[in-house]
Amino acid sequence: MKKQMLSVILPVYNEEKVLEKNVKIIMKALNKLPYDFEIILSEDGSTDRTAEIADSLENNKIIVLHNGGRKGKGAAIKNAVSRAKGDIVLFMDADLASNPKYTKQLLKPFENDVAIVSGSRYHKESKTQRTPLRHFASKSFNFLVKIMLNSKLSDHQCGFKAFRKDAVLPLINDIEDTKWFWDTELLVRAQRKGLKIVEVPIEWKEEPDSKFRLLDDTYHMAKSLFSFKIKQG
């Protein structure tokens, strides 16, 4: 019986210190799964040696895309989705804040009629490590999304999600944000279309070299949230 195809997307920006090591960790986790797979490194205008390192890793399992400048996490994922061959598409942060060993748990719900599976740092079985300030900012944002956009989910921004390509691809082109709000917009649009979404526990650790800038990116996400509410209701 032919195995299902899984496409794993890593949006990559200035990850020269950890990229090669982290790709090996992901490969090790994926080799334990009953899937054929490809890893897509969607390099997003890095200013260090990330692009060069990514190119050196390319092989029959690893595809490298260069996005021609810094366009944002959402744009990097969208670009990779258009090239993905998998029946299921999974994306995770390149710094591996989400532990790849939980990939099996992320994929398990697809055995049922599920369109999207999202890791949640607020699931009662999740294990998370983060600063109080980041925790407060995240909880506040998720609260606003639930109140303003009527979302039923607990965690919209966790960078560890997977979806059935055939079910979600029609939504991708409608997503307007190209940066950090992309995840939230995907989940909100999917709920409004009636797609089934499941949240699963994960192990998540805040990385000191995270590319998320607390003040600037929180402001962008809040601005995007209000803009989406005005446009989409």
C-alpha atoms as a PDB file:
ATOM      1  CA  MET A   1       0.000   0.000   0.000  1.00  0.00           C
ATOM      2  CA  LYS A   2       1.355   3.380  -0.986  1.00  0.00           C
ATOM      3  CA  LYS A   3       2.261   5.653   1.914  1.00  0.00           C
ATOM      4  CA  GLN A   4       0.659   9.057   2.255  1.00  0.00           C
ATOM      5  CA  MET A   5       2.895  11.981   1.340  1.00  0.00           C
ATOM      6  CA  LEU A   6       3.770  14.542   3.996  1.00  0.00           C
ATOM      7  CA  SER A   7       5.245  17.964   3.230  1.00  0.00           C
ATOM      8  CA  VAL A   8       7.024  19.655   6.148  1.00  0.00           C
ATOM      9  CA  ILE A   9       7.597  23.389   5.735  1.00  0.00           C
ATOM     10  CA  LEU A  10      10.182  25.373   7.667  1.00  0.00           C
ATOM     11  CA  PRO A  11       9.947  29.136   7.154  1.00  0.00           C
ATOM     12  CA  VAL A  12      13.584  30.129   7.626  1.00  0.00           C
ATOM     13  CA  TYR A  13      15.122  33.502   8.424  1.00  0.00           C
ATOM     14  CA  ASN A  14      18.639  34.035   9.860  1.00  0.00           C
ATOM     15  CA  GLU A  15      18.995  30.541  11.311  1.00  0.00           C
ATOM     16  CA  GLU A  16      22.655  29.900  10.401  1.00  0.00           C
ATOM     17  CA  LYS A  17      23.529  28.755  13.940  1.00  0.00           C
ATOM     18  CA  VAL A  18      20.913  25.998  14.169  1.00  0.00           C
ATOM     19  CA  LEU A  19      19.564  25.186  10.707  1.00  0.00           C
ATOM     20  CA  GLU A  20      21.703  22.174   9.840  1.00  0.00           C
ATOM     21  CA  LYS A  21      21.395  20.675  13.323  1.00  0.00           C
ATOM     22  CA  ASN A  22      17.633  21.214  13.486  1.00  0.00           C
ATOM     23  CA  VAL A  23      16.997  19.757  10.039  1.00  0.00           C
ATOM     24  CA  LYS A  24      18.764  16.581  11.179  1.00  0.00           C
ATOM     25  CA  ILE A  25      16.541  16.454  14.268  1.00  0.00           C
ATOM     26  CA  ILE A  26      13.431  16.813  12.107  1.00  0.00           C
ATOM     27  CA  MET A  27      14.645  14.129   9.688  1.00  0.00           C
ATOM     28  CA  LYS A  28      15.142  11.742  12.592  1.00  0.00           C
ATOM     29  CA  ALA A  29      11.579  12.340  13.811  1.00  0.00           C
ATOM     30  CA  LEU A  30      10.073  11.975  10.329  1.00  0.00           C
ATOM     31  CA  ASN A  31      11.898   8.737   9.596  1.00  0.00           C
ATOM     32  CA  LYS A  32       9.934   7.121  12.421  1.00  0.00           C
ATOM     33  CA  LEU A  33       6.583   7.907  10.793  1.00  0.00           C
ATOM     34  CA  PRO A  34       4.633   5.807   8.240  1.00  0.00           C
ATOM     35  CA  TYR A  35       4.795   8.589   5.633  1.00  0.00           C
ATOM     36  CA  ASP A  36       6.806   9.454   2.594  1.00  0.00           C
ATOM     37  CA  PHE A  37       7.966  12.985   3.201  1.00  0.00           C
ATOM     38  CA  GLU A  38       9.692  16.053   1.888  1.00  0.00           C
ATOM     39  CA  ILE A  39      11.103  18.991   3.843  1.00  0.00           C
ATOM     40  CA  ILE A  40      10.747  22.429   2.274  1.00  0.00           C
ATOM     41  CA  LEU A  41      13.092  25.113   3.552  1.00  0.00           C
ATOM     42  CA  SER A  42      11.380  28.380   2.627  1.00  0.00           C
ATOM     43  CA  GLU A  43      14.216  30.850   3.068  1.00  0.00           C
ATOM     44  CA  ASP A  44      12.912  34.368   3.590  1.00  0.00           C
ATOM     45  CA  GLY A  45      15.604  36.893   2.691  1.00  0.00           C
ATOM     46  CA  SER A  46      18.157  36.025   5.370  1.00  0.00           C
ATOM     47  CA  THR A  47      21.057  38.406   5.941  1.00  0.00           C
ATOM     48  CA  ASP A  48      23.453  35.810   7.359  1.00  0.00           C
ATOM     49  CA  ARG A  49      24.674  32.488   5.872  1.00  0.00           C
ATOM     50  CA  THR A  50      21.285  30.781   6.159  1.00  0.00           C
ATOM     51  CA  ALA A  51      20.631  30.742   2.402  1.00  0.00           C
ATOM     52  CA  GLU A  52      24.030  29.181   1.710  1.00  0.00           C
ATOM     53  CA  ILE A  53      23.583  26.559   4.423  1.00  0.00           C
ATOM     54  CA  ALA A  54      20.076  25.732   3.186  1.00  0.00           C
ATOM     55  CA  ASP A  55      21.374  25.204  -0.349  1.00  0.00           C
ATOM     56  CA  SER A  56      24.052  22.836   0.970  1.00  0.00           C
ATOM     57  CA  LEU A  57      21.354  20.677   2.594  1.00  0.00           C
ATOM     58  CA  GLU A  58      19.267  20.205  -0.559  1.00  0.00           C
ATOM     59  CA  ASN A  59      18.819  16.584  -1.648  1.00  0.00           C
ATOM     60  CA  ASN A  60      16.045  14.222  -2.754  1.00  0.00           C
ATOM     61  CA  LYS A  61      14.191  14.824   0.540  1.00  0.00           C
ATOM     62  CA  ILE A  62      14.975  18.501   1.118  1.00  0.00           C
ATOM     63  CA  ILE A  63      13.757  21.270  -1.191  1.00  0.00           C
ATOM     64  CA  VAL A  64      15.037  24.834  -0.840  1.00  0.00           C
ATOM     65  CA  LEU A  65      13.035  27.885  -1.884  1.00  0.00           C
ATOM     66  CA  HIS A  66      14.307  31.465  -1.785  1.00  0.00           C
ATOM     67  CA  ASN A  67      11.636  34.109  -1.440  1.00  0.00           C
ATOM     68  CA  GLY A  68      13.652  36.994  -2.880  1.00  0.00           C
ATOM     69  CA  GLY A  69      13.688  39.209   0.193  1.00  0.00           C
ATOM     70  CA  ARG A  70      12.167  39.450   3.642  1.00  0.00           C
ATOM     71  CA  LYS A  71       8.427  38.950   3.131  1.00  0.00           C
ATOM     72  CA  GLY A  72       7.320  37.404   6.410  1.00  0.00           C
ATOM     73  CA  LYS A  73       6.489  34.030   7.919  1.00  0.00           C
ATOM     74  CA  GLY A  74       3.068  33.821   6.306  1.00  0.00           C
ATOM     75  CA  ALA A  75       4.410  34.600   2.846  1.00  0.00           C
ATOM     76  CA  ALA A  76       7.157  32.009   3.283  1.00  0.00           C
ATOM     77  CA  ILE A  77       4.619  29.324   4.211  1.00  0.00           C
ATOM     78  CA  LYS A  78       2.252  30.267   1.384  1.00  0.00           C
ATOM     79  CA  ASN A  79       5.082  30.108  -1.162  1.00  0.00           C
ATOM     80  CA  ALA A  80       6.056  26.655   0.052  1.00  0.00           C
ATOM     81  CA  VAL A  81       2.467  25.351   0.094  1.00  0.00           C
ATOM     82  CA  SER A  82       2.190  26.120  -3.620  1.00  0.00           C
ATOM     83  CA  ARG A  83       5.128  23.766  -4.228  1.00  0.00           C
ATOM     84  CA  ALA A  84       4.242  21.098  -1.663  1.00  0.00           C
ATOM     85  CA  LYS A  85       3.515  17.609  -2.999  1.00  0.00           C
ATOM     86  CA  GLY A  86       2.088  16.224   0.229  1.00  0.00           C
ATOM     87  CA  ASP A  87      -1.474  15.135   0.923  1.00  0.00           C
ATOM     88  CA  ILE A  88      -0.842  16.620   4.358  1.00  0.00           C
ATOM     89  CA  VAL A  89       1.165  19.809   4.872  1.00  0.00           C
ATOM     90  CA  LEU A  90       2.832  20.513   8.214  1.00  0.00           C
ATOM     91  CA  PHE A  91       4.749  23.613   9.228  1.00  0.00           C
ATOM     92  CA  MET A  92       6.911  24.313  12.238  1.00  0.00           C
ATOM     93  CA  ASP A  93       9.272  27.046  13.392  1.00  0.00           C
ATOM     94  CA  ALA A  94      12.874  26.483  12.338  1.00  0.00           C
ATOM     95  CA  ASP A  95      14.156  27.143  15.872  1.00  0.00           C
ATOM     96  CA  LEU A  96      12.217  24.033  17.006  1.00  0.00           C
ATOM     97  CA  ALA A  97      10.458  25.812  19.850  1.00  0.00           C
ATOM     98  CA  SER A  98       7.894  23.050  19.270  1.00  0.00           C
ATOM     99  CA  ASN A  99       9.491  19.670  19.870  1.00  0.00           C
ATOM    100  CA  PRO A 100       9.421  17.618  16.601  1.00  0.00           C
ATOM    101  CA  LYS A 101       8.898  14.394  18.535  1.00  0.00           C
ATOM    102  CA  TYR A 102       5.262  15.502  18.865  1.00  0.00           C
ATOM    103  CA  THR A 103       4.799  15.271  15.089  1.00  0.00           C
ATOM    104  CA  LYS A 104       3.185  11.844  15.496  1.00  0.00           C
ATOM    105  CA  GLN A 105       0.554  13.307  17.839  1.00  0.00           C
ATOM    106  CA  LEU A 106      -0.028  16.197  15.443  1.00  0.00           C
ATOM    107  CA  LEU A 107      -0.741  13.816  12.561  1.00  0.00           C
ATOM    108  CA  LYS A 108      -2.858  11.237  14.395  1.00  0.00           C
ATOM    109  CA  PRO A 109      -6.205  13.134  14.213  1.00  0.00           C
ATOM    110  CA  PHE A 110      -6.107  12.970  10.411  1.00  0.00           C
ATOM    111  CA  GLU A 111      -7.270   9.376  10.760  1.00  0.00           C
ATOM    112  CA  ASN A 112     -10.681  10.978  11.345  1.00  0.00           C
ATOM    113  CA  ASP A 113     -12.502  13.649   9.340  1.00  0.00           C
ATOM    114  CA  VAL A 114     -10.205  16.523  10.360  1.00  0.00           C
ATOM    115  CA  ALA A 115      -8.995  19.370   8.127  1.00  0.00           C
ATOM    116  CA  ILE A 116      -6.497  21.114  10.428  1.00  0.00           C
ATOM    117  CA  VAL A 117      -4.577  20.009  13.516  1.00  0.00           C
ATOM    118  CA  SER A 118      -2.935  22.712  15.594  1.00  0.00           C
ATOM    119  CA  GLY A 119      -0.561  22.421  18.502  1.00  0.00           C
ATOM    120  CA  SER A 120      -1.767  24.279  21.579  1.00  0.00           C
ATOM    121  CA  ARG A 121       0.465  25.545  24.345  1.00  0.00           C
ATOM    122  CA  TYR A 122      -2.647  25.865  26.493  1.00  0.00           C
ATOM    123  CA  HIS A 123      -3.793  22.272  26.260  1.00  0.00           C
ATOM    124  CA  LYS A 124      -3.899  20.756  29.742  1.00  0.00           C
ATOM    125  CA  GLU A 125      -1.377  18.092  28.709  1.00  0.00           C
ATOM    126  CA  SER A 126       1.103  20.476  27.069  1.00  0.00           C
ATOM    127  CA  LYS A 127       4.528  21.220  28.514  1.00  0.00           C
ATOM    128  CA  THR A 128       5.628  24.807  27.992  1.00  0.00           C
ATOM    129  CA  GLN A 129       8.471  27.063  29.086  1.00  0.00           C
ATOM    130  CA  ARG A 130       8.249  30.801  28.456  1.00  0.00           C
ATOM    131  CA  THR A 131       8.761  34.154  30.132  1.00  0.00           C
ATOM    132  CA  PRO A 132       5.819  35.661  32.054  1.00  0.00           C
ATOM    133  CA  LEU A 133       5.708  38.621  29.667  1.00  0.00           C
ATOM    134  CA  ARG A 134       5.444  36.437  26.559  1.00  0.00           C
ATOM    135  CA  HIS A 135       2.830  34.315  28.320  1.00  0.00           C
ATOM    136  CA  PHE A 136       0.740  37.371  29.195  1.00  0.00           C
ATOM    137  CA  ALA A 137       0.989  38.814  25.677  1.00  0.00           C
ATOM    138  CA  SER A 138      -0.008  35.486  24.118  1.00  0.00           C
ATOM    139  CA  LYS A 139      -2.943  34.885  26.470  1.00  0.00           C
ATOM    140  CA  SER A 140      -4.198  38.420  25.887  1.00  0.00           C
ATOM    141  CA  PHE A 141      -4.006  38.060  22.107  1.00  0.00           C
ATOM    142  CA  ASN A 142      -5.798  34.717  22.116  1.00  0.00           C
ATOM    143  CA  PHE A 143      -8.507  36.148  24.372  1.00  0.00           C
ATOM    144  CA  LEU A 144      -9.076  39.020  21.928  1.00  0.00           C
ATOM    145  CA  VAL A 145      -9.279  36.632  18.968  1.00  0.00           C
ATOM    146  CA  LYS A 146     -11.900  34.543  20.741  1.00  0.00           C
ATOM    147  CA  ILE A 147     -13.961  37.567  21.773  1.00  0.00           C
ATOM    148  CA  MET A 148     -13.669  39.622  18.575  1.00  0.00           C
ATOM    149  CA  LEU A 149     -13.673  36.865  15.953  1.00  0.00           C
ATOM    150  CA  ASN A 150     -15.705  34.221  17.796  1.00  0.00           C
ATOM    151  CA  SER A 151     -12.949  31.623  17.596  1.00  0.00           C
ATOM    152  CA  LYS A 152     -13.354  28.442  19.625  1.00  0.00           C
ATOM    153  CA  LEU A 153      -9.638  27.652  19.800  1.00  0.00           C
ATOM    154  CA  SER A 154      -7.219  28.225  22.671  1.00  0.00           C
ATOM    155  CA  ASP A 155      -3.960  28.930  20.799  1.00  0.00           C
ATOM    156  CA  HIS A 156      -3.862  30.587  17.384  1.00  0.00           C
ATOM    157  CA  GLN A 157      -0.171  31.448  17.074  1.00  0.00           C
ATOM    158  CA  CYS A 158       1.630  28.236  17.933  1.00  0.00           C
ATOM    159  CA  GLY A 159       3.942  27.568  14.980  1.00  0.00           C
ATOM    160  CA  PHE A 160       3.179  23.852  14.847  1.00  0.00           C
ATOM    161  CA  LYS A 161       0.237  23.068  12.564  1.00  0.00           C
ATOM    162  CA  ALA A 162      -0.773  20.605   9.880  1.00  0.00           C
ATOM    163  CA  PHE A 163      -3.606  20.459   7.386  1.00  0.00           C
ATOM    164  CA  ARG A 164      -5.078  18.447   4.559  1.00  0.00           C
ATOM    165  CA  LYS A 165      -3.950  20.267   1.452  1.00  0.00           C
ATOM    166  CA  ASP A 166      -7.097  19.585  -0.552  1.00  0.00           C
ATOM    167  CA  ALA A 167      -9.324  20.978   2.219  1.00  0.00           C
ATOM    168  CA  VAL A 168      -7.304  24.073   3.097  1.00  0.00           C
ATOM    169  CA  LEU A 169      -5.696  25.147  -0.185  1.00  0.00           C
ATOM    170  CA  PRO A 170      -8.832  27.075  -1.286  1.00  0.00           C
ATOM    171  CA  LEU A 171      -8.449  29.255   1.832  1.00  0.00           C
ATOM    172  CA  ILE A 172      -4.761  30.006   1.379  1.00  0.00           C
ATOM    173  CA  ASN A 173      -5.183  32.563  -1.400  1.00  0.00           C
ATOM    174  CA  ASP A 174      -7.774  34.453   0.665  1.00  0.00           C
ATOM    175  CA  ILE A 175      -5.361  35.058   3.537  1.00  0.00           C
ATOM    176  CA  GLU A 176      -4.232  38.682   3.409  1.00  0.00           C
ATOM    177  CA  ASP A 177      -1.596  38.779   6.142  1.00  0.00           C
ATOM    178  CA  THR A 178       1.958  37.805   5.218  1.00  0.00           C
ATOM    179  CA  LYS A 179       3.552  37.888   8.663  1.00  0.00           C
ATOM    180  CA  TRP A 180       2.773  36.587  12.148  1.00  0.00           C
ATOM    181  CA  PHE A 181      -1.025  36.985  11.967  1.00  0.00           C
ATOM    182  CA  TRP A 182      -1.109  34.456   9.103  1.00  0.00           C
ATOM    183  CA  ASP A 183      -1.706  31.508  11.459  1.00  0.00           C
ATOM    184  CA  THR A 184      -4.619  33.216  13.174  1.00  0.00           C
ATOM    185  CA  GLU A 185      -6.237  34.259   9.919  1.00  0.00           C
ATOM    186  CA  LEU A 186      -5.963  30.704   8.599  1.00  0.00           C
ATOM    187  CA  LEU A 187      -7.678  29.244  11.665  1.00  0.00           C
ATOM    188  CA  VAL A 188     -10.427  31.871  11.777  1.00  0.00           C
ATOM    189  CA  ARG A 189     -11.225  31.536   8.070  1.00  0.00           C
ATOM    190  CA  ALA A 190     -11.240  27.737   8.390  1.00  0.00           C
ATOM    191  CA  GLN A 191     -13.703  27.857  11.290  1.00  0.00           C
ATOM    192  CA  ARG A 192     -15.981  30.183   9.328  1.00  0.00           C
ATOM    193  CA  LYS A 193     -15.966  27.689   6.453  1.00  0.00           C
ATOM    194  CA  GLY A 194     -16.996  24.917   8.833  1.00  0.00           C
ATOM    195  CA  LEU A 195     -13.749  22.952   8.598  1.00  0.00           C
ATOM    196  CA  LYS A 196     -13.017  20.617  11.480  1.00  0.00           C
ATOM    197  CA  ILE A 197     -10.032  21.710  13.588  1.00  0.00           C
ATOM    198  CA  VAL A 198      -8.439  19.793  16.453  1.00  0.00           C
ATOM    199  CA  GLU A 199      -5.941  21.127  19.000  1.00  0.00           C
ATOM    200  CA  VAL A 200      -3.380  18.724  20.445  1.00  0.00           C
ATOM    201  CA  PRO A 201      -0.851  18.961  23.284  1.00  0.00           C
ATOM    202  CA  ILE A 202       2.761  19.775  22.514  1.00  0.00           C
ATOM    203  CA  GLU A 203       6.076  20.404  24.186  1.00  0.00           C
ATOM    204  CA  TRP A 204       7.109  24.022  23.605  1.00  0.00           C
ATOM    205  CA  LYS A 205      10.093  26.016  24.818  1.00  0.00           C
ATOM    206  CA  GLU A 206      10.708  29.698  24.172  1.00  0.00           C
ATOM    207  CA  GLU A 207      13.987  30.029  22.323  1.00  0.00           C
ATOM    208  CA  PRO A 208      16.304  32.945  23.235  1.00  0.00           C
ATOM    209  CA  ASP A 209      17.049  33.600  19.542  1.00  0.00           C
ATOM    210  CA  SER A 210      13.387  33.640  18.513  1.00  0.00           C
ATOM    211  CA  LYS A 211      12.675  35.936  15.561  1.00  0.00           C
ATOM    212  CA  PHE A 212       9.464  37.094  17.240  1.00  0.00           C
ATOM    213  CA  ARG A 213       9.995  40.679  18.458  1.00  0.00           C
ATOM    214  CA  LEU A 214       7.657  41.123  21.382  1.00  0.00           C
ATOM    215  CA  LEU A 215       6.760  44.817  20.984  1.00  0.00           C
ATOM    216  CA  ASP A 216       6.901  45.246  17.197  1.00  0.00           C
ATOM    217  CA  ASP A 217       5.294  41.932  16.304  1.00  0.00           C
ATOM    218  CA  THR A 218       2.639  42.127  19.024  1.00  0.00           C
ATOM    219  CA  TYR A 219       1.698  45.545  17.657  1.00  0.00           C
ATOM    220  CA  HIS A 220       1.514  44.117  14.132  1.00  0.00           C
ATOM    221  CA  MET A 221      -0.688  41.235  15.272  1.00  0.00           C
ATOM    222  CA  ALA A 222      -3.047  43.529  17.179  1.00  0.00           C
ATOM    223  CA  LYS A 223      -3.278  45.869  14.187  1.00  0.00           C
ATOM    224  CA  SER A 224      -3.946  42.931  11.873  1.00  0.00           C
ATOM    225  CA  LEU A 225      -6.592  41.569  14.231  1.00  0.00           C
ATOM    226  CA  PHE A 226      -8.543  44.836  14.233  1.00  0.00           C
ATOM    227  CA  SER A 227      -8.107  45.209  10.469  1.00  0.00           C
ATOM    228  CA  PHE A 228      -9.474  41.719   9.876  1.00  0.00           C
ATOM    229  CA  LYS A 229     -12.444  42.440  12.150  1.00  0.00           C
ATOM    230  CA  ILE A 230     -13.267  45.613  10.241  1.00  0.00           C
ATOM    231  CA  LYS A 231     -13.001  43.932   6.832  1.00  0.00           C
ATOM    232  CA  GLN A 232     -14.457  40.498   7.587  1.00  0.00           C
ATOM    233  CA  GLY A 233     -16.634  41.055  10.641  1.00  0.00           C
END
